[in-house]
Amino acid sequence: MSQSTPRRLRGIVLFAHGSRDPLWHKPVEAVADAVRHKEPGALVACAYLEWSTPTLEEACQSLIAQGAQEISILPLFLGVGKHARQDLPELVAQMTARWPDIAFQLQAAVGENARLVALLADIALE
């Protein structure tokens, strides 16, 4: 009888720019709610680069406290500018150094996902 490796508990961080306007956060939080609806019990958190809380580090710390052993970070950026190319990888490197036992995965920004591009085109054509 073979033994399978136990699945590591994964957390998901939806990472966005942030804003001083509290209404700006609603779409990001709606994505988090949709993830939880699709996968009840999913460990998901929102995090922001600036002007908002929690920060990426705070969100990851919360997921780790809930038992996450690996964390997938999804940048909710349409454009891939300095934040996605430089700032975010630097933040992930800092967290990897702080929590070496946690497996961090930085996904591509959503604006690079062909499915989202196609969806936006469909919406534009409505």
N, C-alpha and C. Protein backbone atom coordinates (compact mmCIF):
# COMPACT_ATOMS: atom_id res chain seq x y z
N MET A 1 0.84 -1.16 0.00
CA MET A 1 0.00 0.00 0.00
C MET A 1 0.90 1.23 0.00
N SER A 2 0.65 2.17 -0.90
CA SER A 2 1.50 3.35 -0.99
C SER A 2 0.98 4.45 -0.08
N GLN A 3 1.93 5.20 0.44
CA GLN A 3 1.57 6.35 1.26
C GLN A 3 1.63 7.59 0.38
N SER A 4 0.60 8.40 0.45
CA SER A 4 0.64 9.64 -0.31
C SER A 4 1.11 10.77 0.60
N THR A 5 1.75 11.73 -0.01
CA THR A 5 2.21 12.88 0.74
C THR A 5 1.01 13.74 1.09
N PRO A 6 0.88 14.14 2.36
CA PRO A 6 -0.27 14.97 2.71
C PRO A 6 -0.21 16.31 1.97
N ARG A 7 -1.37 16.76 1.56
CA ARG A 7 -1.47 18.02 0.84
C ARG A 7 -1.18 19.17 1.79
N ARG A 8 -0.33 20.08 1.36
CA ARG A 8 0.00 21.25 2.17
C ARG A 8 -1.15 22.24 2.11
N LEU A 9 -1.44 22.85 3.24
CA LEU A 9 -2.53 23.83 3.31
C LEU A 9 -2.10 25.12 2.62
N ARG A 10 -2.91 25.55 1.65
CA ARG A 10 -2.57 26.71 0.82
C ARG A 10 -3.41 27.91 1.21
N GLY A 11 -2.75 29.04 1.28
CA GLY A 11 -3.43 30.32 1.44
C GLY A 11 -3.32 31.09 0.14
N ILE A 12 -4.28 31.97 -0.08
CA ILE A 12 -4.31 32.80 -1.30
C ILE A 12 -4.36 34.25 -0.87
N VAL A 13 -3.47 35.06 -1.43
CA VAL A 13 -3.49 36.50 -1.19
C VAL A 13 -3.85 37.19 -2.50
N LEU A 14 -4.90 37.99 -2.45
CA LEU A 14 -5.28 38.84 -3.58
C LEU A 14 -4.62 40.19 -3.32
N PHE A 15 -3.63 40.52 -4.14
CA PHE A 15 -2.79 41.69 -3.88
C PHE A 15 -3.13 42.81 -4.85
N ALA A 16 -3.49 43.97 -4.31
CA ALA A 16 -3.87 45.11 -5.14
C ALA A 16 -3.11 46.35 -4.69
N HIS A 17 -3.24 47.40 -5.46
CA HIS A 17 -2.49 48.62 -5.19
C HIS A 17 -2.89 49.28 -3.87
N GLY A 18 -4.17 49.48 -3.68
CA GLY A 18 -4.65 50.17 -2.49
C GLY A 18 -5.13 51.57 -2.82
N SER A 19 -5.92 52.13 -1.91
CA SER A 19 -6.46 53.46 -2.09
C SER A 19 -6.91 54.01 -0.74
N ARG A 20 -6.92 55.31 -0.64
CA ARG A 20 -7.45 55.93 0.58
C ARG A 20 -8.97 55.85 0.63
N ASP A 21 -9.61 55.64 -0.51
CA ASP A 21 -11.06 55.57 -0.60
C ASP A 21 -11.53 54.17 -0.22
N PRO A 22 -12.30 54.03 0.87
CA PRO A 22 -12.72 52.69 1.29
C PRO A 22 -13.60 51.97 0.26
N LEU A 23 -14.29 52.69 -0.59
CA LEU A 23 -15.12 52.04 -1.61
C LEU A 23 -14.27 51.36 -2.68
N TRP A 24 -13.03 51.81 -2.84
CA TRP A 24 -12.14 51.22 -3.84
C TRP A 24 -11.89 49.74 -3.54
N HIS A 25 -11.95 49.33 -2.28
CA HIS A 25 -11.63 47.97 -1.86
C HIS A 25 -12.74 46.96 -2.22
N LYS A 26 -13.93 47.44 -2.47
CA LYS A 26 -15.07 46.54 -2.68
C LYS A 26 -14.84 45.48 -3.77
N PRO A 27 -14.32 45.84 -4.95
CA PRO A 27 -14.11 44.79 -5.96
C PRO A 27 -13.09 43.74 -5.53
N VAL A 28 -12.07 44.14 -4.82
CA VAL A 28 -11.05 43.19 -4.35
C VAL A 28 -11.69 42.24 -3.34
N GLU A 29 -12.45 42.80 -2.42
CA GLU A 29 -13.14 41.98 -1.42
C GLU A 29 -14.18 41.07 -2.08
N ALA A 30 -14.79 41.54 -3.17
CA ALA A 30 -15.77 40.71 -3.89
C ALA A 30 -15.08 39.48 -4.50
N VAL A 31 -13.86 39.65 -5.00
CA VAL A 31 -13.12 38.51 -5.53
C VAL A 31 -12.83 37.51 -4.40
N ALA A 32 -12.42 38.03 -3.25
CA ALA A 32 -12.15 37.14 -2.10
C ALA A 32 -13.41 36.38 -1.71
N ASP A 33 -14.55 37.07 -1.69
CA ASP A 33 -15.81 36.40 -1.37
C ASP A 33 -16.15 35.33 -2.40
N ALA A 34 -15.88 35.61 -3.68
CA ALA A 34 -16.15 34.64 -4.74
C ALA A 34 -15.26 33.40 -4.59
N VAL A 35 -14.01 33.60 -4.19
CA VAL A 35 -13.11 32.46 -3.96
C VAL A 35 -13.66 31.61 -2.83
N ARG A 36 -14.07 32.26 -1.74
CA ARG A 36 -14.62 31.52 -0.59
C ARG A 36 -15.91 30.78 -0.96
N HIS A 37 -16.71 31.37 -1.85
CA HIS A 37 -17.95 30.73 -2.29
C HIS A 37 -17.64 29.49 -3.13
N LYS A 38 -16.64 29.61 -4.01
CA LYS A 38 -16.27 28.48 -4.86
C LYS A 38 -15.58 27.37 -4.08
N GLU A 39 -14.84 27.75 -3.04
CA GLU A 39 -14.12 26.78 -2.23
C GLU A 39 -14.31 27.13 -0.75
N PRO A 40 -15.44 26.68 -0.18
CA PRO A 40 -15.70 26.99 1.23
C PRO A 40 -14.53 26.55 2.11
N GLY A 41 -14.17 27.40 3.02
CA GLY A 41 -13.05 27.10 3.90
C GLY A 41 -11.71 27.53 3.34
N ALA A 42 -11.69 28.07 2.13
CA ALA A 42 -10.43 28.52 1.55
C ALA A 42 -9.81 29.61 2.42
N LEU A 43 -8.51 29.53 2.56
CA LEU A 43 -7.78 30.57 3.28
C LEU A 43 -7.42 31.65 2.26
N VAL A 44 -8.14 32.74 2.30
CA VAL A 44 -7.92 33.82 1.33
C VAL A 44 -7.91 35.15 2.07
N ALA A 45 -7.00 36.02 1.65
CA ALA A 45 -6.89 37.34 2.26
C ALA A 45 -6.62 38.37 1.18
N CYS A 46 -7.05 39.59 1.42
CA CYS A 46 -6.73 40.71 0.56
C CYS A 46 -5.53 41.44 1.17
N ALA A 47 -4.69 42.00 0.32
CA ALA A 47 -3.54 42.77 0.78
C ALA A 47 -3.30 43.91 -0.20
N TYR A 48 -2.66 44.96 0.31
CA TYR A 48 -2.50 46.17 -0.48
C TYR A 48 -1.07 46.70 -0.38
N LEU A 49 -0.61 47.29 -1.47
CA LEU A 49 0.74 47.82 -1.55
C LEU A 49 0.87 49.11 -0.74
N GLU A 50 -0.09 50.01 -0.88
CA GLU A 50 0.00 51.28 -0.16
C GLU A 50 -1.38 51.86 0.07
N TRP A 51 -1.45 52.74 1.03
CA TRP A 51 -2.65 53.49 1.40
C TRP A 51 -3.76 52.65 2.00
N SER A 52 -3.56 51.38 2.15
CA SER A 52 -4.60 50.49 2.66
C SER A 52 -3.97 49.41 3.52
N THR A 53 -4.82 48.79 4.32
CA THR A 53 -4.37 47.65 5.12
C THR A 53 -5.33 46.50 4.87
N PRO A 54 -4.83 45.29 5.02
CA PRO A 54 -3.52 44.90 5.51
C PRO A 54 -2.46 44.96 4.42
N THR A 55 -1.22 45.03 4.85
CA THR A 55 -0.10 44.93 3.92
C THR A 55 0.04 43.47 3.50
N LEU A 56 0.89 43.23 2.52
CA LEU A 56 1.14 41.86 2.08
C LEU A 56 1.70 41.02 3.23
N GLU A 57 2.64 41.58 3.96
CA GLU A 57 3.23 40.85 5.08
C GLU A 57 2.19 40.53 6.15
N GLU A 58 1.32 41.50 6.46
CA GLU A 58 0.27 41.25 7.46
C GLU A 58 -0.70 40.18 7.00
N ALA A 59 -1.07 40.22 5.74
CA ALA A 59 -2.00 39.21 5.20
C ALA A 59 -1.37 37.83 5.25
N CYS A 60 -0.10 37.74 4.87
CA CYS A 60 0.59 36.44 4.91
C CYS A 60 0.72 35.93 6.34
N GLN A 61 1.05 36.83 7.25
CA GLN A 61 1.17 36.44 8.65
C GLN A 61 -0.16 35.87 9.17
N SER A 62 -1.27 36.49 8.78
CA SER A 62 -2.58 36.00 9.18
C SER A 62 -2.86 34.61 8.61
N LEU A 63 -2.53 34.39 7.33
CA LEU A 63 -2.75 33.08 6.71
C LEU A 63 -1.88 32.01 7.36
N ILE A 64 -0.63 32.38 7.67
CA ILE A 64 0.27 31.42 8.33
C ILE A 64 -0.28 31.07 9.72
N ALA A 65 -0.80 32.06 10.43
CA ALA A 65 -1.39 31.80 11.75
C ALA A 65 -2.60 30.87 11.65
N GLN A 66 -3.26 30.86 10.47
CA GLN A 66 -4.40 29.96 10.25
C GLN A 66 -3.97 28.58 9.75
N GLY A 67 -2.65 28.39 9.59
CA GLY A 67 -2.14 27.09 9.20
C GLY A 67 -1.61 26.96 7.79
N ALA A 68 -1.63 28.04 7.02
CA ALA A 68 -1.14 27.95 5.63
C ALA A 68 0.33 27.57 5.62
N GLN A 69 0.66 26.61 4.76
CA GLN A 69 2.04 26.16 4.59
C GLN A 69 2.61 26.61 3.25
N GLU A 70 1.74 27.01 2.37
CA GLU A 70 2.16 27.61 1.11
C GLU A 70 1.18 28.74 0.81
N ILE A 71 1.69 29.78 0.17
CA ILE A 71 0.87 30.96 -0.09
C ILE A 71 1.04 31.36 -1.55
N SER A 72 -0.08 31.44 -2.25
CA SER A 72 -0.13 31.87 -3.63
C SER A 72 -0.57 33.34 -3.65
N ILE A 73 0.20 34.18 -4.31
CA ILE A 73 -0.09 35.61 -4.36
C ILE A 73 -0.52 35.96 -5.78
N LEU A 74 -1.74 36.48 -5.88
CA LEU A 74 -2.29 36.87 -7.18
C LEU A 74 -2.34 38.39 -7.27
N PRO A 75 -1.47 39.00 -8.09
CA PRO A 75 -1.51 40.46 -8.25
C PRO A 75 -2.72 40.87 -9.10
N LEU A 76 -3.56 41.68 -8.51
CA LEU A 76 -4.74 42.16 -9.23
C LEU A 76 -4.41 43.48 -9.94
N PHE A 77 -3.44 43.39 -10.84
CA PHE A 77 -3.02 44.53 -11.64
C PHE A 77 -3.32 44.24 -13.09
N LEU A 78 -3.97 45.19 -13.79
CA LEU A 78 -4.19 45.03 -15.22
C LEU A 78 -2.91 45.29 -15.99
N GLY A 79 -2.22 46.34 -15.61
CA GLY A 79 -0.95 46.67 -16.25
C GLY A 79 0.20 46.12 -15.42
N VAL A 80 1.29 45.80 -16.10
CA VAL A 80 2.45 45.25 -15.41
C VAL A 80 3.53 46.32 -15.38
N GLY A 81 3.40 47.21 -14.41
CA GLY A 81 4.36 48.29 -14.25
C GLY A 81 5.37 47.96 -13.16
N LYS A 82 5.95 49.00 -12.61
CA LYS A 82 7.01 48.86 -11.61
C LYS A 82 6.54 48.07 -10.39
N HIS A 83 5.31 48.27 -9.97
CA HIS A 83 4.83 47.56 -8.79
C HIS A 83 4.85 46.05 -9.00
N ALA A 84 4.36 45.60 -10.15
CA ALA A 84 4.30 44.16 -10.42
C ALA A 84 5.67 43.59 -10.79
N ARG A 85 6.47 44.37 -11.51
CA ARG A 85 7.78 43.87 -11.96
C ARG A 85 8.86 43.95 -10.89
N GLN A 86 8.81 44.96 -10.04
CA GLN A 86 9.92 45.18 -9.12
C GLN A 86 9.49 45.12 -7.65
N ASP A 87 8.51 45.94 -7.27
CA ASP A 87 8.15 46.04 -5.85
C ASP A 87 7.64 44.72 -5.29
N LEU A 88 6.73 44.08 -5.99
CA LEU A 88 6.13 42.85 -5.48
C LEU A 88 7.14 41.71 -5.35
N PRO A 89 7.99 41.45 -6.35
CA PRO A 89 8.99 40.40 -6.16
C PRO A 89 9.93 40.68 -4.97
N GLU A 90 10.24 41.95 -4.73
CA GLU A 90 11.08 42.29 -3.58
C GLU A 90 10.36 41.98 -2.27
N LEU A 91 9.08 42.28 -2.20
CA LEU A 91 8.29 41.95 -1.00
C LEU A 91 8.24 40.45 -0.78
N VAL A 92 8.04 39.69 -1.85
CA VAL A 92 7.98 38.24 -1.72
C VAL A 92 9.33 37.69 -1.26
N ALA A 93 10.42 38.25 -1.76
CA ALA A 93 11.75 37.81 -1.33
C ALA A 93 11.95 38.07 0.16
N GLN A 94 11.47 39.20 0.65
CA GLN A 94 11.56 39.52 2.08
C GLN A 94 10.77 38.52 2.91
N MET A 95 9.58 38.17 2.44
CA MET A 95 8.75 37.22 3.18
C MET A 95 9.34 35.81 3.14
N THR A 96 9.93 35.45 2.02
CA THR A 96 10.59 34.14 1.92
C THR A 96 11.73 34.05 2.93
N ALA A 97 12.46 35.15 3.10
CA ALA A 97 13.54 35.17 4.08
C ALA A 97 12.98 35.11 5.51
N ARG A 98 11.86 35.78 5.74
CA ARG A 98 11.26 35.79 7.08
C ARG A 98 10.65 34.43 7.42
N TRP A 99 9.98 33.80 6.46
CA TRP A 99 9.31 32.51 6.69
C TRP A 99 9.87 31.47 5.71
N PRO A 100 11.08 30.97 5.94
CA PRO A 100 11.69 30.04 4.97
C PRO A 100 10.96 28.71 4.83
N ASP A 101 10.12 28.34 5.79
CA ASP A 101 9.39 27.07 5.70
C ASP A 101 8.09 27.19 4.91
N ILE A 102 7.73 28.40 4.52
CA ILE A 102 6.50 28.62 3.75
C ILE A 102 6.87 28.70 2.27
N ALA A 103 6.14 28.00 1.44
CA ALA A 103 6.36 28.04 -0.01
C ALA A 103 5.51 29.17 -0.59
N PHE A 104 6.17 30.21 -1.08
CA PHE A 104 5.47 31.34 -1.70
C PHE A 104 5.48 31.17 -3.21
N GLN A 105 4.32 31.40 -3.82
CA GLN A 105 4.21 31.35 -5.28
C GLN A 105 3.64 32.69 -5.74
N LEU A 106 4.38 33.38 -6.57
CA LEU A 106 3.92 34.65 -7.13
C LEU A 106 3.36 34.38 -8.52
N GLN A 107 2.05 34.56 -8.66
CA GLN A 107 1.42 34.35 -9.97
C GLN A 107 1.62 35.56 -10.86
N ALA A 108 1.36 35.41 -12.13
CA ALA A 108 1.40 36.54 -13.06
C ALA A 108 0.25 37.48 -12.74
N ALA A 109 0.45 38.75 -13.04
CA ALA A 109 -0.62 39.74 -12.85
C ALA A 109 -1.83 39.35 -13.70
N VAL A 110 -3.03 39.64 -13.18
CA VAL A 110 -4.25 39.22 -13.87
C VAL A 110 -4.35 39.81 -15.28
N GLY A 111 -3.75 40.97 -15.50
CA GLY A 111 -3.79 41.59 -16.82
C GLY A 111 -3.04 40.80 -17.87
N GLU A 112 -2.21 39.84 -17.44
CA GLU A 112 -1.48 38.99 -18.38
C GLU A 112 -2.21 37.69 -18.67
N ASN A 113 -3.36 37.49 -18.04
CA ASN A 113 -4.11 36.25 -18.21
C ASN A 113 -5.05 36.38 -19.41
N ALA A 114 -4.85 35.51 -20.38
CA ALA A 114 -5.65 35.57 -21.61
C ALA A 114 -7.14 35.44 -21.34
N ARG A 115 -7.52 34.67 -20.31
CA ARG A 115 -8.95 34.51 -20.00
C ARG A 115 -9.56 35.83 -19.55
N LEU A 116 -8.81 36.62 -18.75
CA LEU A 116 -9.33 37.91 -18.31
C LEU A 116 -9.39 38.88 -19.48
N VAL A 117 -8.39 38.87 -20.32
CA VAL A 117 -8.39 39.75 -21.49
C VAL A 117 -9.60 39.45 -22.36
N ALA A 118 -9.89 38.18 -22.60
CA ALA A 118 -11.05 37.78 -23.40
C ALA A 118 -12.36 38.21 -22.73
N LEU A 119 -12.44 38.05 -21.42
CA LEU A 119 -13.63 38.47 -20.69
C LEU A 119 -13.84 39.97 -20.80
N LEU A 120 -12.77 40.75 -20.67
CA LEU A 120 -12.90 42.21 -20.79
C LEU A 120 -13.33 42.60 -22.19
N ALA A 121 -12.84 41.89 -23.19
CA ALA A 121 -13.28 42.16 -24.57
C ALA A 121 -14.77 41.86 -24.72
N ASP A 122 -15.23 40.75 -24.13
CA ASP A 122 -16.65 40.41 -24.19
C ASP A 122 -17.49 41.50 -23.51
N ILE A 123 -17.04 41.97 -22.37
CA ILE A 123 -17.77 43.03 -21.67
C ILE A 123 -17.81 44.29 -22.50
N ALA A 124 -16.70 44.64 -23.12
CA ALA A 124 -16.64 45.83 -23.97
C ALA A 124 -17.61 45.74 -25.14
N LEU A 125 -17.85 44.54 -25.62
CA LEU A 125 -18.73 44.36 -26.79
C LEU A 125 -20.21 44.22 -26.43
N GLU A 126 -20.53 44.22 -25.17
CA GLU A 126 -21.94 44.09 -24.77
C GLU A 126 -22.75 45.29 -25.18
